[in-house]
Amino acid sequence: MPFTHKHPVQSHHGTIEGKTEVANRTRIYTGLLDASYALDEHAAGRVPELSRLISGAITLDTLFRRRALDADLQDAALILERAARESQLYLDAAGKARAATLADKIRRLANNKVKGDP
């Protein structure tokens, strides 16, 4: 029989579960900021840094698989996945405006996540 704790493990900094939750929230927040950055760069006609593009794409994909994204943010996840695969998106004016709108929506989601909102 595996050893299990009946109570959360305490340290002088708080529970391990609490630290894990904060760390996960921080990772999601950072990944969402990377996603919004990548979309902002595409909206401006620039190529984003690959590491931040991939970070943002992975974060949105993770939330997509958890069914935690609405239709607009699912679209953003697919856009960043395509951008990571192709390394350059060629967007017309409407596409750039859409990318900017999605970047703003992702920033709002990031702010909600860091506050602990679902």
C-alpha atoms as a PDB file:
ATOM      1  CA  MET A   1       0.000   0.000   0.000  1.00  0.00           C
ATOM      2  CA  PRO A   2       1.530   3.354  -0.999  1.00  0.00           C
ATOM      3  CA  PHE A   3       2.221   5.952   1.639  1.00  0.00           C
ATOM      4  CA  THR A   4      -0.258   8.823   1.585  1.00  0.00           C
ATOM      5  CA  HIS A   5      -0.614  11.909   3.705  1.00  0.00           C
ATOM      6  CA  LYS A   6      -3.926  12.524   5.428  1.00  0.00           C
ATOM      7  CA  HIS A   7      -3.192  16.243   5.552  1.00  0.00           C
ATOM      8  CA  PRO A   8      -1.451  18.535   3.058  1.00  0.00           C
ATOM      9  CA  VAL A   9       2.303  18.555   3.518  1.00  0.00           C
ATOM     10  CA  GLN A  10       3.322  21.726   5.308  1.00  0.00           C
ATOM     11  CA  SER A  11       6.531  23.634   5.009  1.00  0.00           C
ATOM     12  CA  HIS A  12       7.486  26.975   6.487  1.00  0.00           C
ATOM     13  CA  HIS A  13       6.325  28.528   3.177  1.00  0.00           C
ATOM     14  CA  GLY A  14       2.848  26.917   3.083  1.00  0.00           C
ATOM     15  CA  THR A  15       1.412  23.731   1.624  1.00  0.00           C
ATOM     16  CA  ILE A  16       3.015  21.948  -1.286  1.00  0.00           C
ATOM     17  CA  GLU A  17      -0.358  21.874  -3.022  1.00  0.00           C
ATOM     18  CA  GLY A  18      -0.623  25.651  -2.635  1.00  0.00           C
ATOM     19  CA  LYS A  19       2.840  26.172  -4.101  1.00  0.00           C
ATOM     20  CA  THR A  20       2.040  23.890  -7.028  1.00  0.00           C
ATOM     21  CA  GLU A  21      -1.156  25.795  -7.759  1.00  0.00           C
ATOM     22  CA  VAL A  22       0.705  29.121  -7.705  1.00  0.00           C
ATOM     23  CA  ALA A  23       3.463  27.721  -9.934  1.00  0.00           C
ATOM     24  CA  ASN A  24       0.899  26.381 -12.438  1.00  0.00           C
ATOM     25  CA  ARG A  25      -0.975  29.685 -12.443  1.00  0.00           C
ATOM     26  CA  THR A  26       2.314  31.531 -13.048  1.00  0.00           C
ATOM     27  CA  ARG A  27       3.228  29.211 -15.945  1.00  0.00           C
ATOM     28  CA  ILE A  28      -0.181  29.695 -17.547  1.00  0.00           C
ATOM     29  CA  TYR A  29       0.028  33.471 -17.041  1.00  0.00           C
ATOM     30  CA  THR A  30       3.480  33.626 -18.636  1.00  0.00           C
ATOM     31  CA  GLY A  31       2.421  31.401 -21.526  1.00  0.00           C
ATOM     32  CA  LEU A  32      -0.661  33.534 -22.147  1.00  0.00           C
ATOM     33  CA  LEU A  33       1.484  36.671 -22.210  1.00  0.00           C
ATOM     34  CA  ASP A  34       3.742  34.941 -24.734  1.00  0.00           C
ATOM     35  CA  ALA A  35       0.695  34.077 -26.849  1.00  0.00           C
ATOM     36  CA  SER A  36      -0.554  37.668 -26.789  1.00  0.00           C
ATOM     37  CA  TYR A  37       2.957  38.919 -27.641  1.00  0.00           C
ATOM     38  CA  ALA A  38       3.163  36.555 -30.633  1.00  0.00           C
ATOM     39  CA  LEU A  39      -0.234  37.664 -31.920  1.00  0.00           C
ATOM     40  CA  ASP A  40       0.698  41.331 -31.412  1.00  0.00           C
ATOM     41  CA  GLU A  41       3.857  40.767 -33.466  1.00  0.00           C
ATOM     42  CA  HIS A  42       1.878  39.107 -36.244  1.00  0.00           C
ATOM     43  CA  ALA A  43      -0.667  41.949 -36.121  1.00  0.00           C
ATOM     44  CA  ALA A  44       2.200  44.405 -36.638  1.00  0.00           C
ATOM     45  CA  GLY A  45       3.581  42.357 -39.542  1.00  0.00           C
ATOM     46  CA  ARG A  46       6.640  41.193 -37.603  1.00  0.00           C
ATOM     47  CA  VAL A  47       7.923  37.708 -36.822  1.00  0.00           C
ATOM     48  CA  PRO A  48       7.811  36.942 -33.076  1.00  0.00           C
ATOM     49  CA  GLU A  49      10.639  35.290 -31.181  1.00  0.00           C
ATOM     50  CA  LEU A  50      10.297  31.563 -31.784  1.00  0.00           C
ATOM     51  CA  SER A  51      10.628  30.576 -28.114  1.00  0.00           C
ATOM     52  CA  ARG A  52       7.800  32.893 -27.074  1.00  0.00           C
ATOM     53  CA  LEU A  53       5.664  31.834 -30.021  1.00  0.00           C
ATOM     54  CA  ILE A  54       6.060  28.177 -29.062  1.00  0.00           C
ATOM     55  CA  SER A  55       5.437  28.912 -25.377  1.00  0.00           C
ATOM     56  CA  GLY A  56       2.217  30.728 -26.233  1.00  0.00           C
ATOM     57  CA  ALA A  57       1.117  28.026 -28.658  1.00  0.00           C
ATOM     58  CA  ILE A  58       1.731  25.269 -26.092  1.00  0.00           C
ATOM     59  CA  THR A  59      -0.148  27.167 -23.376  1.00  0.00           C
ATOM     60  CA  LEU A  60      -3.176  27.782 -25.584  1.00  0.00           C
ATOM     61  CA  ASP A  61      -3.077  24.176 -26.804  1.00  0.00           C
ATOM     62  CA  THR A  62      -3.032  22.953 -23.197  1.00  0.00           C
ATOM     63  CA  LEU A  63      -6.038  25.102 -22.300  1.00  0.00           C
ATOM     64  CA  PHE A  64      -7.750  24.060 -25.548  1.00  0.00           C
ATOM     65  CA  ARG A  65      -7.348  20.379 -24.622  1.00  0.00           C
ATOM     66  CA  ARG A  66      -8.783  21.115 -21.153  1.00  0.00           C
ATOM     67  CA  ARG A  67     -11.776  22.691 -22.915  1.00  0.00           C
ATOM     68  CA  ALA A  68     -11.011  25.953 -21.144  1.00  0.00           C
ATOM     69  CA  LEU A  69     -11.169  28.227 -24.206  1.00  0.00           C
ATOM     70  CA  ASP A  70     -14.060  29.854 -26.014  1.00  0.00           C
ATOM     71  CA  ALA A  71     -14.305  29.780 -29.817  1.00  0.00           C
ATOM     72  CA  ASP A  72     -12.192  32.937 -30.291  1.00  0.00           C
ATOM     73  CA  LEU A  73      -9.370  31.625 -28.143  1.00  0.00           C
ATOM     74  CA  GLN A  74      -9.554  28.227 -29.844  1.00  0.00           C
ATOM     75  CA  ASP A  75      -9.012  30.145 -33.069  1.00  0.00           C
ATOM     76  CA  ALA A  76      -6.000  31.879 -31.498  1.00  0.00           C
ATOM     77  CA  ALA A  77      -4.592  28.482 -30.482  1.00  0.00           C
ATOM     78  CA  LEU A  78      -4.895  27.236 -34.060  1.00  0.00           C
ATOM     79  CA  ILE A  79      -3.334  30.425 -35.462  1.00  0.00           C
ATOM     80  CA  LEU A  80      -0.306  30.100 -33.190  1.00  0.00           C
ATOM     81  CA  GLU A  81       0.015  26.399 -33.947  1.00  0.00           C
ATOM     82  CA  ARG A  82       0.105  27.242 -37.652  1.00  0.00           C
ATOM     83  CA  ALA A  83       2.582  30.068 -37.036  1.00  0.00           C
ATOM     84  CA  ALA A  84       4.878  27.712 -35.101  1.00  0.00           C
ATOM     85  CA  ARG A  85       4.750  25.179 -37.945  1.00  0.00           C
ATOM     86  CA  GLU A  86       5.228  27.650 -40.773  1.00  0.00           C
ATOM     87  CA  SER A  87       7.347  30.220 -38.868  1.00  0.00           C
ATOM     88  CA  GLN A  88       5.747  33.106 -40.785  1.00  0.00           C
ATOM     89  CA  LEU A  89       2.129  34.132 -41.202  1.00  0.00           C
ATOM     90  CA  TYR A  90       1.108  36.344 -44.063  1.00  0.00           C
ATOM     91  CA  LEU A  91      -1.915  38.250 -42.807  1.00  0.00           C
ATOM     92  CA  ASP A  92      -3.976  40.791 -44.709  1.00  0.00           C
ATOM     93  CA  ALA A  93      -5.381  43.853 -42.915  1.00  0.00           C
ATOM     94  CA  ALA A  94      -8.386  41.904 -41.599  1.00  0.00           C
ATOM     95  CA  GLY A  95      -6.104  39.106 -40.355  1.00  0.00           C
ATOM     96  CA  LYS A  96      -3.854  41.595 -38.576  1.00  0.00           C
ATOM     97  CA  ALA A  97      -6.868  43.249 -36.933  1.00  0.00           C
ATOM     98  CA  ARG A  98      -8.132  39.818 -35.837  1.00  0.00           C
ATOM     99  CA  ALA A  99      -4.716  38.940 -34.394  1.00  0.00           C
ATOM    100  CA  ALA A 100      -4.675  42.219 -32.414  1.00  0.00           C
ATOM    101  CA  THR A 101      -8.191  41.547 -31.086  1.00  0.00           C
ATOM    102  CA  LEU A 102      -7.242  38.012 -30.036  1.00  0.00           C
ATOM    103  CA  ALA A 103      -4.078  39.299 -28.341  1.00  0.00           C
ATOM    104  CA  ASP A 104      -6.202  41.676 -26.230  1.00  0.00           C
ATOM    105  CA  LYS A 105      -8.605  38.873 -25.331  1.00  0.00           C
ATOM    106  CA  ILE A 106      -5.707  36.631 -24.297  1.00  0.00           C
ATOM    107  CA  ARG A 107      -4.271  39.394 -22.079  1.00  0.00           C
ATOM    108  CA  ARG A 108      -7.647  39.664 -20.322  1.00  0.00           C
ATOM    109  CA  LEU A 109      -7.658  35.888 -19.813  1.00  0.00           C
ATOM    110  CA  ALA A 110      -4.098  36.058 -18.433  1.00  0.00           C
ATOM    111  CA  ASN A 111      -5.114  38.725 -15.926  1.00  0.00           C
ATOM    112  CA  ASN A 112      -8.074  36.589 -14.815  1.00  0.00           C
ATOM    113  CA  LYS A 113      -5.845  33.514 -14.453  1.00  0.00           C
ATOM    114  CA  VAL A 114      -3.281  35.326 -12.316  1.00  0.00           C
ATOM    115  CA  LYS A 115      -6.099  36.505 -10.027  1.00  0.00           C
ATOM    116  CA  GLY A 116      -7.221  32.896  -9.675  1.00  0.00           C
ATOM    117  CA  ASP A 117     -10.434  33.247 -11.678  1.00  0.00           C
ATOM    118  CA  PRO A 118     -11.439  30.173 -13.710  1.00  0.00           C
END
